[in-house]
Structure formats: structure tokens, C-alpha cells
């Protein structure tokens, strides 16, 4: 266990997230995970949802970070991780039945968030979903004192980072043909936002 990367946050939130993913993900098909990190989510979700194929990815140079978890799990429904630059004009995945990402929007610069939504919209078939987990502001307000403190910490580390507002994300999504279908309150002042790709 000591030779694997470990995130306590992933360990805490994986089962609450899984409970929601069971409701929203399709029964079969490829699910792209943007920002796989340690791989704890990928292993948990792939084990619990064996009819789905899980495609881990992370920014170039970080995609191998999850390999110890993936190697130990040794599951046929987890593909090797891909290097994915969300700002690139083309992605290494061209189609997906669904997309999942956790705790990425607040560490990306806003142009990268825009690029992520554009890329996801290109991948998804009509009526499929993009499940985005993390802390989010609501109508310009922090939902907790801890989220406000976290936002201040992020911005002190890098000015381009920060907790995103759902209103801004909704406006962005509408430009690329996605709508917010569900805003689900999650433990630890987080939310799961379920975006659905529109027809046409």
C-alpha cells in the first residue's frame, strides 16, 4: 500500500459519488475520466460498474501517477491512462458514452475550463452526460466558510485557480450544447453537477 499514491479526499468521497454515478451513467460504453489523479476513483468505479469501460486520463506528464492503483486492480474494464491536454484542438478520445471529472475545475484556469467543456461536448453523443464533481459557488456566493477559505488558498497559490460559480458554468455549457440537468449536494460542501448533451 505504501508504494501507491493516496488521496484521503478520494477515499472519503468515492462511495457517495458512486451512489450518484449509478443513477446517471449508462449501463455500458466508454466513460472518460478527466483528471484521474491517484486512480482511486477509477478503480472503485470500474469495480462497481463492470459493464462500463473506464478510460483514465490526466494532464501530460501526470497520466502515469495512477498506474500503481490500476496495476494492482488489474481490471479488464480499465484502459491504460491517456495524456490529455484539455486545451488541445484534438483529444486522444474521439467519442464517449459519458464523461466524469472530480476536483478539476477549480485548479484549471478559466480558459482551460472553457476548453474542457468544448472538448466534452465534442465527445458526447446526444443525451449523454458529463458528471462534474467538486466545490462550486451558487449565484455568486460561497456555500460554506470552508469553501471560501479554500478559494483564498487556491488563489494564493495561483491567481488563475479558484472555485467556479454554477451560473458561469451554466452559461458556458449552453454555448456548447449542454444543459445542467441536476445539481446534487454532496458531503463536505461539494456538489455533483450533471450536464446533459442536447440533441442536435
N, C-alpha and C. Protein backbone atom coordinates (compact mmCIF):
# COMPACT_ATOMS: atom_id res chain seq x y z
N UNK A 1 0.82 -1.21 0.00
CA UNK A 1 0.00 0.00 0.00
C UNK A 1 0.85 1.26 0.00
N UNK A 2 2.02 1.19 0.61
CA UNK A 2 2.82 2.39 0.76
C UNK A 2 3.43 2.85 -0.56
N UNK A 3 3.45 1.97 -1.57
CA UNK A 3 4.06 2.35 -2.84
C UNK A 3 3.05 2.97 -3.80
N UNK A 4 1.81 3.14 -3.34
CA UNK A 4 0.78 3.74 -4.18
C UNK A 4 0.50 5.17 -3.72
N UNK A 5 0.23 6.07 -4.65
CA UNK A 5 -0.21 7.41 -4.23
C UNK A 5 -1.55 7.29 -3.52
N UNK A 6 -1.84 8.22 -2.65
CA UNK A 6 -3.07 8.11 -1.86
C UNK A 6 -3.66 9.48 -1.62
N UNK A 7 -4.97 9.59 -1.81
CA UNK A 7 -5.72 10.80 -1.52
C UNK A 7 -6.82 10.47 -0.52
N UNK A 8 -6.75 11.09 0.66
CA UNK A 8 -7.80 10.85 1.66
C UNK A 8 -9.14 11.38 1.17
N UNK A 9 -9.11 12.49 0.42
CA UNK A 9 -10.36 13.05 -0.11
C UNK A 9 -11.03 12.05 -1.04
N UNK A 10 -10.24 11.41 -1.92
CA UNK A 10 -10.81 10.39 -2.82
C UNK A 10 -11.40 9.24 -2.02
N UNK A 11 -10.69 8.84 -0.99
CA UNK A 11 -11.18 7.72 -0.17
C UNK A 11 -12.50 8.09 0.51
N UNK A 12 -12.61 9.34 0.93
CA UNK A 12 -13.83 9.78 1.62
C UNK A 12 -15.01 9.93 0.68
N UNK A 13 -14.75 10.41 -0.54
CA UNK A 13 -15.88 10.78 -1.41
C UNK A 13 -16.25 9.74 -2.46
N UNK A 14 -15.45 8.68 -2.60
CA UNK A 14 -15.69 7.76 -3.72
C UNK A 14 -17.04 7.05 -3.62
N UNK A 15 -17.44 6.66 -2.45
CA UNK A 15 -18.71 5.94 -2.33
C UNK A 15 -19.92 6.85 -2.49
N UNK A 16 -19.93 8.07 -1.91
CA UNK A 16 -21.03 8.99 -2.22
C UNK A 16 -21.13 9.33 -3.70
N UNK A 17 -19.98 9.51 -4.36
CA UNK A 17 -20.00 9.79 -5.79
C UNK A 17 -20.54 8.58 -6.55
N UNK A 18 -20.06 7.41 -6.20
CA UNK A 18 -20.51 6.19 -6.86
C UNK A 18 -22.03 6.03 -6.77
N UNK A 19 -22.59 6.33 -5.63
CA UNK A 19 -24.04 6.20 -5.47
C UNK A 19 -24.78 7.06 -6.49
N UNK A 20 -24.24 8.23 -6.81
CA UNK A 20 -24.87 9.10 -7.80
C UNK A 20 -24.56 8.64 -9.23
N UNK A 21 -23.33 8.19 -9.46
CA UNK A 21 -22.98 7.73 -10.81
C UNK A 21 -23.85 6.54 -11.23
N UNK A 22 -24.22 5.72 -10.29
CA UNK A 22 -25.12 4.60 -10.63
C UNK A 22 -26.42 5.10 -11.23
N UNK A 23 -26.85 6.27 -10.82
CA UNK A 23 -28.11 6.84 -11.32
C UNK A 23 -27.95 7.45 -12.71
N UNK A 24 -26.77 7.96 -13.00
CA UNK A 24 -26.62 8.80 -14.19
C UNK A 24 -25.83 8.19 -15.33
N UNK A 25 -24.91 7.30 -15.04
CA UNK A 25 -24.11 6.74 -16.12
C UNK A 25 -24.89 5.67 -16.87
N UNK A 26 -24.58 5.48 -18.15
CA UNK A 26 -25.26 4.43 -18.92
C UNK A 26 -24.84 3.05 -18.43
N UNK A 27 -25.56 2.03 -18.88
CA UNK A 27 -25.24 0.67 -18.45
C UNK A 27 -23.95 0.16 -19.08
N UNK A 28 -23.64 0.63 -20.27
CA UNK A 28 -22.44 0.16 -20.97
C UNK A 28 -21.85 1.31 -21.78
N UNK A 29 -20.61 1.12 -22.21
CA UNK A 29 -19.94 2.12 -23.02
C UNK A 29 -18.68 2.63 -22.34
N UNK A 30 -18.02 3.55 -23.02
CA UNK A 30 -16.76 4.12 -22.53
C UNK A 30 -17.03 5.38 -21.71
N UNK A 31 -16.46 5.43 -20.51
CA UNK A 31 -16.52 6.63 -19.68
C UNK A 31 -15.12 7.22 -19.60
N UNK A 32 -14.98 8.45 -20.06
CA UNK A 32 -13.71 9.16 -19.95
C UNK A 32 -13.66 9.88 -18.61
N UNK A 33 -12.60 9.64 -17.86
CA UNK A 33 -12.36 10.39 -16.63
C UNK A 33 -11.27 11.43 -16.90
N UNK A 34 -11.60 12.68 -16.70
CA UNK A 34 -10.64 13.78 -16.87
C UNK A 34 -10.03 14.10 -15.51
N UNK A 35 -8.72 14.00 -15.40
CA UNK A 35 -8.05 14.27 -14.13
C UNK A 35 -8.11 13.09 -13.18
N UNK A 36 -7.60 11.96 -13.60
CA UNK A 36 -7.71 10.73 -12.82
C UNK A 36 -6.93 10.78 -11.51
N UNK A 37 -5.82 11.52 -11.48
CA UNK A 37 -5.07 11.65 -10.23
C UNK A 37 -4.51 10.32 -9.78
N UNK A 38 -4.77 9.94 -8.53
CA UNK A 38 -4.19 8.73 -7.95
C UNK A 38 -4.71 7.46 -8.60
N UNK A 39 -5.93 7.50 -9.14
CA UNK A 39 -6.56 6.31 -9.69
C UNK A 39 -7.54 5.65 -8.75
N UNK A 40 -7.71 6.18 -7.54
CA UNK A 40 -8.62 5.58 -6.57
C UNK A 40 -10.07 5.58 -7.06
N UNK A 41 -10.49 6.69 -7.67
CA UNK A 41 -11.84 6.75 -8.23
C UNK A 41 -11.99 5.74 -9.36
N UNK A 42 -11.03 5.70 -10.25
CA UNK A 42 -11.12 4.82 -11.41
C UNK A 42 -11.30 3.37 -10.98
N UNK A 43 -10.51 2.94 -10.02
CA UNK A 43 -10.58 1.55 -9.56
C UNK A 43 -11.92 1.28 -8.88
N UNK A 44 -12.33 2.17 -8.00
CA UNK A 44 -13.60 1.98 -7.28
C UNK A 44 -14.77 1.90 -8.25
N UNK A 45 -14.83 2.83 -9.18
CA UNK A 45 -15.99 2.90 -10.07
C UNK A 45 -15.97 1.75 -11.08
N UNK A 46 -14.79 1.40 -11.58
CA UNK A 46 -14.72 0.30 -12.54
C UNK A 46 -15.08 -1.04 -11.89
N UNK A 47 -14.70 -1.23 -10.65
CA UNK A 47 -15.05 -2.45 -9.94
C UNK A 47 -16.56 -2.53 -9.69
N UNK A 48 -17.16 -1.40 -9.34
CA UNK A 48 -18.58 -1.38 -9.00
C UNK A 48 -19.48 -1.38 -10.24
N UNK A 49 -18.93 -0.92 -11.38
CA UNK A 49 -19.72 -0.79 -12.62
C UNK A 49 -19.02 -1.58 -13.73
N UNK A 50 -19.02 -2.90 -13.63
CA UNK A 50 -18.18 -3.71 -14.52
C UNK A 50 -18.60 -3.72 -15.98
N UNK A 51 -19.83 -3.27 -16.30
CA UNK A 51 -20.24 -3.26 -17.70
C UNK A 51 -19.79 -1.99 -18.42
N UNK A 52 -19.22 -1.06 -17.69
CA UNK A 52 -18.66 0.14 -18.29
C UNK A 52 -17.15 -0.03 -18.50
N UNK A 53 -16.62 0.63 -19.51
CA UNK A 53 -15.18 0.68 -19.73
C UNK A 53 -14.68 2.04 -19.27
N UNK A 54 -13.73 2.04 -18.34
CA UNK A 54 -13.24 3.28 -17.75
C UNK A 54 -11.95 3.70 -18.43
N UNK A 55 -11.93 4.96 -18.91
CA UNK A 55 -10.74 5.50 -19.57
C UNK A 55 -10.12 6.60 -18.71
N UNK A 56 -9.08 6.29 -17.93
CA UNK A 56 -8.41 7.33 -17.15
C UNK A 56 -7.63 8.29 -18.06
N UNK A 57 -7.49 9.52 -17.58
CA UNK A 57 -6.65 10.49 -18.28
C UNK A 57 -6.18 11.54 -17.29
N UNK A 58 -5.11 12.21 -17.64
CA UNK A 58 -4.63 13.33 -16.84
C UNK A 58 -3.76 14.20 -17.72
N UNK A 59 -3.40 15.35 -17.20
CA UNK A 59 -2.61 16.27 -18.00
C UNK A 59 -1.26 15.63 -18.35
N UNK A 60 -0.70 16.00 -19.49
CA UNK A 60 0.57 15.39 -19.92
C UNK A 60 1.63 15.49 -18.83
N UNK A 61 2.26 14.36 -18.57
CA UNK A 61 3.26 14.28 -17.52
C UNK A 61 2.73 13.74 -16.21
N UNK A 62 1.41 13.75 -16.05
CA UNK A 62 0.80 13.27 -14.80
C UNK A 62 -0.02 12.01 -15.02
N UNK A 63 -0.14 11.56 -16.27
CA UNK A 63 -1.05 10.45 -16.56
C UNK A 63 -0.59 9.13 -15.93
N UNK A 64 0.70 8.99 -15.66
CA UNK A 64 1.20 7.73 -15.09
C UNK A 64 1.05 7.65 -13.58
N UNK A 65 0.63 8.73 -12.95
CA UNK A 65 0.52 8.77 -11.49
C UNK A 65 -0.42 7.69 -10.96
N UNK A 66 -1.45 7.34 -11.75
CA UNK A 66 -2.45 6.37 -11.32
C UNK A 66 -2.04 4.92 -11.55
N UNK A 67 -0.93 4.70 -12.22
CA UNK A 67 -0.57 3.33 -12.64
C UNK A 67 -0.46 2.32 -11.49
N UNK A 68 0.08 2.68 -10.32
CA UNK A 68 0.12 1.68 -9.25
C UNK A 68 -1.25 1.15 -8.84
N UNK A 69 -2.25 2.02 -8.76
CA UNK A 69 -3.60 1.59 -8.43
C UNK A 69 -4.18 0.73 -9.54
N UNK A 70 -3.98 1.15 -10.78
CA UNK A 70 -4.53 0.41 -11.91
C UNK A 70 -3.88 -0.96 -12.04
N UNK A 71 -2.57 -1.01 -11.82
CA UNK A 71 -1.86 -2.28 -11.93
C UNK A 71 -2.33 -3.26 -10.87
N UNK A 72 -2.52 -2.78 -9.66
CA UNK A 72 -2.98 -3.66 -8.58
C UNK A 72 -4.40 -4.16 -8.85
N UNK A 73 -5.25 -3.29 -9.36
CA UNK A 73 -6.63 -3.70 -9.65
C UNK A 73 -6.68 -4.70 -10.80
N UNK A 74 -5.85 -4.48 -11.82
CA UNK A 74 -5.73 -5.41 -12.95
C UNK A 74 -7.10 -5.76 -13.54
N UNK A 75 -7.84 -4.74 -13.88
CA UNK A 75 -9.20 -4.95 -14.39
C UNK A 75 -9.25 -4.79 -15.91
N UNK A 76 -10.01 -5.67 -16.55
CA UNK A 76 -10.15 -5.61 -17.99
C UNK A 76 -10.93 -4.38 -18.44
N UNK A 77 -11.76 -3.81 -17.56
CA UNK A 77 -12.59 -2.67 -17.97
C UNK A 77 -11.96 -1.33 -17.60
N UNK A 78 -10.67 -1.32 -17.30
CA UNK A 78 -9.92 -0.06 -17.14
C UNK A 78 -8.85 -0.01 -18.21
N UNK A 79 -8.91 0.99 -19.06
CA UNK A 79 -7.91 1.14 -20.11
C UNK A 79 -6.65 1.82 -19.57
N UNK A 80 -5.53 1.69 -20.24
CA UNK A 80 -4.32 2.42 -19.84
C UNK A 80 -4.59 3.92 -19.86
N UNK A 81 -4.00 4.67 -18.92
CA UNK A 81 -4.28 6.11 -18.85
C UNK A 81 -3.71 6.86 -20.05
N UNK A 82 -4.41 7.92 -20.42
CA UNK A 82 -4.00 8.76 -21.54
C UNK A 82 -3.55 10.12 -21.05
N UNK A 83 -2.61 10.72 -21.78
CA UNK A 83 -2.25 12.12 -21.56
C UNK A 83 -3.27 12.98 -22.29
N UNK A 84 -3.94 13.85 -21.54
CA UNK A 84 -4.99 14.68 -22.12
C UNK A 84 -4.78 16.14 -21.76
N UNK A 85 -4.46 16.93 -22.74
CA UNK A 85 -4.40 18.39 -22.60
C UNK A 85 -5.75 18.93 -23.03
N UNK A 86 -6.55 19.41 -22.08
CA UNK A 86 -7.91 19.83 -22.43
C UNK A 86 -7.92 20.98 -23.42
N UNK A 87 -6.84 21.74 -23.48
CA UNK A 87 -6.78 22.89 -24.38
C UNK A 87 -6.38 22.52 -25.81
N UNK A 88 -6.01 21.27 -26.01
CA UNK A 88 -5.61 20.84 -27.36
C UNK A 88 -6.81 20.81 -28.29
N UNK A 89 -6.56 21.05 -29.56
CA UNK A 89 -7.66 21.09 -30.54
C UNK A 89 -8.24 19.71 -30.79
N UNK A 90 -7.45 18.66 -30.57
CA UNK A 90 -7.95 17.30 -30.69
C UNK A 90 -7.55 16.52 -29.45
N UNK A 91 -8.42 15.62 -29.03
CA UNK A 91 -8.18 14.81 -27.84
C UNK A 91 -7.88 13.37 -28.25
N UNK A 92 -7.21 12.60 -27.39
CA UNK A 92 -6.89 11.21 -27.75
C UNK A 92 -8.11 10.28 -27.69
N UNK A 93 -9.24 10.79 -27.21
CA UNK A 93 -10.51 10.07 -27.24
C UNK A 93 -11.45 10.84 -28.15
N UNK A 94 -12.11 10.17 -29.07
CA UNK A 94 -12.97 10.87 -30.02
C UNK A 94 -14.45 10.70 -29.72
N UNK A 95 -14.80 9.76 -28.86
CA UNK A 95 -16.21 9.55 -28.52
C UNK A 95 -16.29 8.90 -27.14
N UNK A 96 -17.35 9.21 -26.40
CA UNK A 96 -17.54 8.62 -25.08
C UNK A 96 -19.03 8.55 -24.79
N UNK A 97 -19.41 7.52 -24.04
CA UNK A 97 -20.80 7.38 -23.62
C UNK A 97 -21.11 8.29 -22.45
N UNK A 98 -20.07 8.72 -21.72
CA UNK A 98 -20.21 9.65 -20.61
C UNK A 98 -18.81 10.16 -20.25
N UNK A 99 -18.78 11.28 -19.51
CA UNK A 99 -17.52 11.85 -19.03
C UNK A 99 -17.68 12.15 -17.55
N UNK A 100 -16.64 11.88 -16.78
CA UNK A 100 -16.61 12.18 -15.35
C UNK A 100 -15.34 12.94 -15.02
N UNK A 101 -15.46 13.91 -14.13
CA UNK A 101 -14.27 14.63 -13.66
C UNK A 101 -14.51 15.10 -12.24
N UNK A 102 -13.51 14.95 -11.39
CA UNK A 102 -13.62 15.35 -9.99
C UNK A 102 -12.49 16.31 -9.62
N UNK A 103 -12.88 17.40 -8.99
CA UNK A 103 -11.92 18.35 -8.42
C UNK A 103 -10.91 18.86 -9.44
N UNK A 104 -11.43 19.23 -10.59
CA UNK A 104 -10.56 19.76 -11.64
C UNK A 104 -10.86 21.22 -11.99
N UNK A 105 -12.13 21.61 -11.99
CA UNK A 105 -12.50 22.94 -12.49
C UNK A 105 -11.86 24.06 -11.67
N UNK A 106 -11.67 23.84 -10.38
CA UNK A 106 -11.11 24.91 -9.54
C UNK A 106 -9.59 25.00 -9.62
N UNK A 107 -8.93 23.98 -10.17
CA UNK A 107 -7.48 24.09 -10.33
C UNK A 107 -7.08 24.43 -11.76
N UNK A 108 -8.03 24.42 -12.67
CA UNK A 108 -7.79 24.87 -14.03
C UNK A 108 -7.96 26.38 -14.12
N UNK A 109 -7.22 27.01 -15.02
CA UNK A 109 -7.52 28.39 -15.37
C UNK A 109 -8.84 28.42 -16.14
N UNK A 110 -9.53 29.56 -16.11
CA UNK A 110 -10.84 29.62 -16.75
C UNK A 110 -10.79 29.24 -18.24
N UNK A 111 -9.79 29.68 -19.02
CA UNK A 111 -9.74 29.22 -20.41
C UNK A 111 -9.65 27.70 -20.54
N UNK A 112 -9.02 27.04 -19.57
CA UNK A 112 -8.97 25.58 -19.59
C UNK A 112 -10.32 24.97 -19.28
N UNK A 113 -11.06 25.60 -18.37
CA UNK A 113 -12.43 25.13 -18.08
C UNK A 113 -13.28 25.24 -19.34
N UNK A 114 -13.16 26.37 -20.04
CA UNK A 114 -13.89 26.54 -21.30
C UNK A 114 -13.50 25.45 -22.29
N UNK A 115 -12.20 25.18 -22.39
CA UNK A 115 -11.73 24.16 -23.32
C UNK A 115 -12.24 22.78 -22.93
N UNK A 116 -12.29 22.50 -21.63
CA UNK A 116 -12.80 21.21 -21.18
C UNK A 116 -14.26 21.02 -21.61
N UNK A 117 -15.08 22.03 -21.42
CA UNK A 117 -16.48 21.91 -21.81
C UNK A 117 -16.62 21.75 -23.32
N UNK A 118 -15.82 22.48 -24.09
CA UNK A 118 -15.87 22.33 -25.55
C UNK A 118 -15.49 20.91 -25.95
N UNK A 119 -14.42 20.40 -25.34
CA UNK A 119 -13.96 19.06 -25.68
C UNK A 119 -14.96 17.99 -25.29
N UNK A 120 -15.54 18.13 -24.11
CA UNK A 120 -16.55 17.16 -23.66
C UNK A 120 -17.74 17.16 -24.60
N UNK A 121 -18.18 18.34 -25.00
CA UNK A 121 -19.33 18.43 -25.90
C UNK A 121 -19.05 17.75 -27.23
N UNK A 122 -17.80 17.81 -27.69
CA UNK A 122 -17.44 17.13 -28.94
C UNK A 122 -17.53 15.61 -28.79
N UNK A 123 -17.18 15.12 -27.61
CA UNK A 123 -17.12 13.67 -27.40
C UNK A 123 -18.48 13.02 -27.21
N UNK A 124 -19.37 13.72 -26.54
CA UNK A 124 -20.61 13.09 -26.10
C UNK A 124 -21.63 12.98 -27.23
N UNK A 125 -22.29 11.84 -27.26
CA UNK A 125 -23.44 11.70 -28.16
C UNK A 125 -24.61 12.42 -27.51
N UNK A 126 -25.63 12.83 -28.30
CA UNK A 126 -26.79 13.49 -27.71
C UNK A 126 -27.42 12.68 -26.60
N UNK A 127 -27.82 13.37 -25.54
CA UNK A 127 -28.49 12.82 -24.36
C UNK A 127 -27.53 12.17 -23.37
N UNK A 128 -26.25 12.10 -23.66
CA UNK A 128 -25.30 11.54 -22.70
C UNK A 128 -24.85 12.64 -21.73
N UNK A 129 -24.16 12.21 -20.62
CA UNK A 129 -23.92 13.14 -19.52
C UNK A 129 -22.43 13.37 -19.23
N UNK A 130 -22.19 14.54 -18.66
CA UNK A 130 -20.89 14.94 -18.11
C UNK A 130 -21.11 15.20 -16.63
N UNK A 131 -20.53 14.36 -15.78
CA UNK A 131 -20.67 14.48 -14.33
C UNK A 131 -19.43 15.18 -13.77
N UNK A 132 -19.63 16.35 -13.21
CA UNK A 132 -18.53 17.18 -12.73
C UNK A 132 -18.67 17.38 -11.23
N UNK A 133 -17.68 16.89 -10.48
CA UNK A 133 -17.73 16.91 -9.01
C UNK A 133 -16.74 17.93 -8.46
N UNK A 134 -17.10 18.55 -7.35
CA UNK A 134 -16.18 19.44 -6.66
C UNK A 134 -16.93 20.52 -5.89
N UNK A 135 -16.19 21.49 -5.36
CA UNK A 135 -16.82 22.64 -4.71
C UNK A 135 -17.22 23.67 -5.76
N UNK A 136 -18.41 24.23 -5.61
CA UNK A 136 -18.88 25.25 -6.55
C UNK A 136 -19.62 26.34 -5.78
N UNK A 137 -19.53 27.56 -6.30
CA UNK A 137 -20.33 28.66 -5.75
C UNK A 137 -21.72 28.64 -6.38
N UNK A 138 -22.68 29.24 -5.67
CA UNK A 138 -24.06 29.28 -6.13
C UNK A 138 -24.51 30.74 -6.17
N UNK A 139 -24.84 31.21 -7.37
CA UNK A 139 -25.31 32.59 -7.57
C UNK A 139 -24.34 33.61 -6.95
N UNK A 140 -23.05 33.37 -7.16
CA UNK A 140 -22.05 34.32 -6.72
C UNK A 140 -21.66 34.23 -5.27
N UNK A 141 -22.13 33.21 -4.57
CA UNK A 141 -21.86 33.10 -3.14
C UNK A 141 -21.20 31.76 -2.80
N UNK A 142 -20.30 31.79 -1.82
CA UNK A 142 -19.73 30.56 -1.31
C UNK A 142 -20.80 29.81 -0.52
N UNK A 143 -20.75 28.50 -0.56
CA UNK A 143 -21.75 27.70 0.15
C UNK A 143 -21.32 27.36 1.57
N UNK A 144 -20.08 27.68 1.92
CA UNK A 144 -19.60 27.42 3.28
C UNK A 144 -18.36 28.27 3.54
N UNK A 145 -18.07 28.47 4.82
CA UNK A 145 -16.85 29.19 5.19
C UNK A 145 -15.61 28.41 4.77
N UNK A 146 -15.69 27.09 4.83
CA UNK A 146 -14.52 26.29 4.45
C UNK A 146 -14.23 26.40 2.96
N UNK A 147 -15.29 26.51 2.15
CA UNK A 147 -15.06 26.70 0.71
C UNK A 147 -14.47 28.06 0.43
N UNK A 148 -14.89 29.08 1.17
CA UNK A 148 -14.31 30.42 0.99
C UNK A 148 -12.83 30.40 1.34
N UNK A 149 -12.48 29.73 2.44
CA UNK A 149 -11.08 29.63 2.84
C UNK A 149 -10.28 28.85 1.81
N UNK A 150 -10.89 27.80 1.26
CA UNK A 150 -10.21 27.00 0.24
C UNK A 150 -9.96 27.84 -1.01
N UNK A 151 -10.94 28.64 -1.41
CA UNK A 151 -10.78 29.51 -2.57
C UNK A 151 -9.64 30.50 -2.36
N UNK A 152 -9.57 31.07 -1.17
CA UNK A 152 -8.48 32.00 -0.87
C UNK A 152 -7.13 31.31 -0.94
N UNK A 153 -7.09 30.07 -0.44
CA UNK A 153 -5.84 29.30 -0.51
C UNK A 153 -5.45 29.05 -1.97
N UNK A 154 -6.42 28.62 -2.79
CA UNK A 154 -6.13 28.35 -4.20
C UNK A 154 -5.55 29.57 -4.89
N UNK A 155 -6.21 30.71 -4.69
CA UNK A 155 -5.78 31.93 -5.37
C UNK A 155 -4.43 32.43 -4.86
N UNK A 156 -4.11 32.11 -3.61
CA UNK A 156 -2.79 32.48 -3.09
C UNK A 156 -1.70 31.62 -3.73
N UNK A 157 -2.06 30.41 -4.15
CA UNK A 157 -1.10 29.53 -4.81
C UNK A 157 -0.92 29.91 -6.28
N UNK A 158 -2.05 30.26 -6.92
CA UNK A 158 -2.02 30.61 -8.34
C UNK A 158 -3.26 31.44 -8.64
N UNK A 159 -3.07 32.62 -9.17
CA UNK A 159 -4.19 33.54 -9.34
C UNK A 159 -5.26 33.01 -10.29
N UNK A 160 -4.89 32.11 -11.19
CA UNK A 160 -5.85 31.60 -12.17
C UNK A 160 -6.75 30.52 -11.61
N UNK A 161 -6.45 30.03 -10.41
CA UNK A 161 -7.28 28.99 -9.81
C UNK A 161 -8.38 29.62 -8.96
N UNK A 162 -9.38 28.82 -8.62
CA UNK A 162 -10.45 29.30 -7.76
C UNK A 162 -11.74 28.53 -7.97
N UNK A 163 -12.61 28.56 -6.98
CA UNK A 163 -13.88 27.85 -7.06
C UNK A 163 -14.76 28.54 -8.10
N UNK A 164 -15.36 27.76 -8.98
CA UNK A 164 -16.18 28.29 -10.08
C UNK A 164 -17.63 28.39 -9.66
N UNK A 165 -18.31 29.35 -10.28
CA UNK A 165 -19.73 29.57 -9.98
C UNK A 165 -20.59 28.79 -10.97
N UNK A 166 -21.64 28.16 -10.44
CA UNK A 166 -22.50 27.34 -11.28
C UNK A 166 -23.15 28.18 -12.39
N UNK A 167 -23.47 29.43 -12.10
CA UNK A 167 -24.07 30.28 -13.13
C UNK A 167 -23.13 30.47 -14.31
N UNK A 168 -21.85 30.69 -14.02
CA UNK A 168 -20.87 30.86 -15.09
C UNK A 168 -20.70 29.57 -15.90
N UNK A 169 -20.70 28.44 -15.20
CA UNK A 169 -20.58 27.16 -15.89
C UNK A 169 -21.81 26.87 -16.74
N UNK A 170 -22.98 27.24 -16.24
CA UNK A 170 -24.21 27.02 -16.99
C UNK A 170 -24.21 27.83 -18.28
N UNK A 171 -23.75 29.07 -18.20
CA UNK A 171 -23.66 29.91 -19.40
C UNK A 171 -22.65 29.32 -20.38
N UNK A 172 -21.54 28.84 -19.86
CA UNK A 172 -20.53 28.22 -20.71
C UNK A 172 -21.08 26.97 -21.38
N UNK A 173 -21.75 26.12 -20.60
CA UNK A 173 -22.30 24.88 -21.15
C UNK A 173 -23.30 25.14 -22.26
N UNK A 174 -24.11 26.18 -22.09
CA UNK A 174 -25.14 26.46 -23.10
C UNK A 174 -24.52 26.80 -24.45
N UNK A 175 -23.32 27.36 -24.44
CA UNK A 175 -22.65 27.72 -25.69
C UNK A 175 -22.20 26.50 -26.47
N UNK A 176 -22.03 25.37 -25.76
CA UNK A 176 -21.52 24.16 -26.43
C UNK A 176 -22.57 23.06 -26.47
N UNK A 177 -23.83 23.40 -26.22
CA UNK A 177 -24.91 22.44 -26.39
C UNK A 177 -25.14 21.50 -25.23
N UNK A 178 -24.85 21.98 -24.00
CA UNK A 178 -25.12 21.17 -22.81
C UNK A 178 -25.97 21.97 -21.83
N UNK A 179 -26.79 21.25 -21.08
CA UNK A 179 -27.64 21.89 -20.06
C UNK A 179 -27.39 21.21 -18.72
N UNK A 180 -27.59 21.99 -17.65
CA UNK A 180 -27.46 21.44 -16.31
C UNK A 180 -28.75 20.71 -15.95
N UNK A 181 -28.66 19.40 -15.87
CA UNK A 181 -29.84 18.60 -15.57
C UNK A 181 -30.05 18.42 -14.08
N UNK A 182 -28.95 18.32 -13.31
CA UNK A 182 -29.09 18.11 -11.88
C UNK A 182 -27.91 18.72 -11.13
N UNK A 183 -28.23 19.37 -10.02
CA UNK A 183 -27.23 19.92 -9.11
C UNK A 183 -27.44 19.19 -7.78
N UNK A 184 -26.50 18.31 -7.44
CA UNK A 184 -26.68 17.41 -6.30
C UNK A 184 -25.72 17.81 -5.18
N UNK A 185 -26.27 18.12 -4.03
CA UNK A 185 -25.43 18.42 -2.87
C UNK A 185 -24.77 17.14 -2.38
N UNK A 186 -23.47 17.24 -2.11
CA UNK A 186 -22.68 16.10 -1.68
C UNK A 186 -22.02 16.40 -0.33
N UNK A 187 -21.47 15.40 0.33
CA UNK A 187 -20.79 15.66 1.61
C UNK A 187 -19.62 16.62 1.46
N UNK A 188 -19.21 17.20 2.58
CA UNK A 188 -18.02 18.07 2.66
C UNK A 188 -18.14 19.31 1.78
N UNK A 189 -19.37 19.83 1.64
CA UNK A 189 -19.61 21.08 0.90
C UNK A 189 -19.23 20.98 -0.57
N UNK A 190 -19.38 19.80 -1.14
CA UNK A 190 -19.15 19.59 -2.56
C UNK A 190 -20.49 19.37 -3.26
N UNK A 191 -20.42 19.33 -4.60
CA UNK A 191 -21.62 19.11 -5.40
C UNK A 191 -21.25 18.22 -6.59
N UNK A 192 -22.25 17.53 -7.10
CA UNK A 192 -22.09 16.82 -8.36
C UNK A 192 -23.03 17.48 -9.36
N UNK A 193 -22.45 18.07 -10.39
CA UNK A 193 -23.23 18.72 -11.44
C UNK A 193 -23.34 17.78 -12.62
N UNK A 194 -24.55 17.52 -13.03
CA UNK A 194 -24.80 16.59 -14.15
C UNK A 194 -25.24 17.41 -15.36
N UNK A 195 -24.39 17.45 -16.36
CA UNK A 195 -24.66 18.19 -17.59
C UNK A 195 -25.07 17.18 -18.65
N UNK A 196 -26.12 17.52 -19.41
CA UNK A 196 -26.56 16.61 -20.46
C UNK A 196 -26.38 17.26 -21.83
N UNK A 197 -25.86 16.47 -22.75
CA UNK A 197 -25.66 16.92 -24.14
C UNK A 197 -27.00 16.97 -24.83
N UNK A 198 -27.30 18.12 -25.44
CA UNK A 198 -28.56 18.30 -26.13
C UNK A 198 -28.55 17.58 -27.47
N UNK A 199 -29.73 17.30 -27.99
CA UNK A 199 -29.84 16.77 -29.35
C UNK A 199 -29.50 17.85 -30.35
N UNK A 200 -28.88 17.44 -31.42
CA UNK A 200 -28.61 18.39 -32.50
C UNK A 200 -27.44 19.30 -32.23
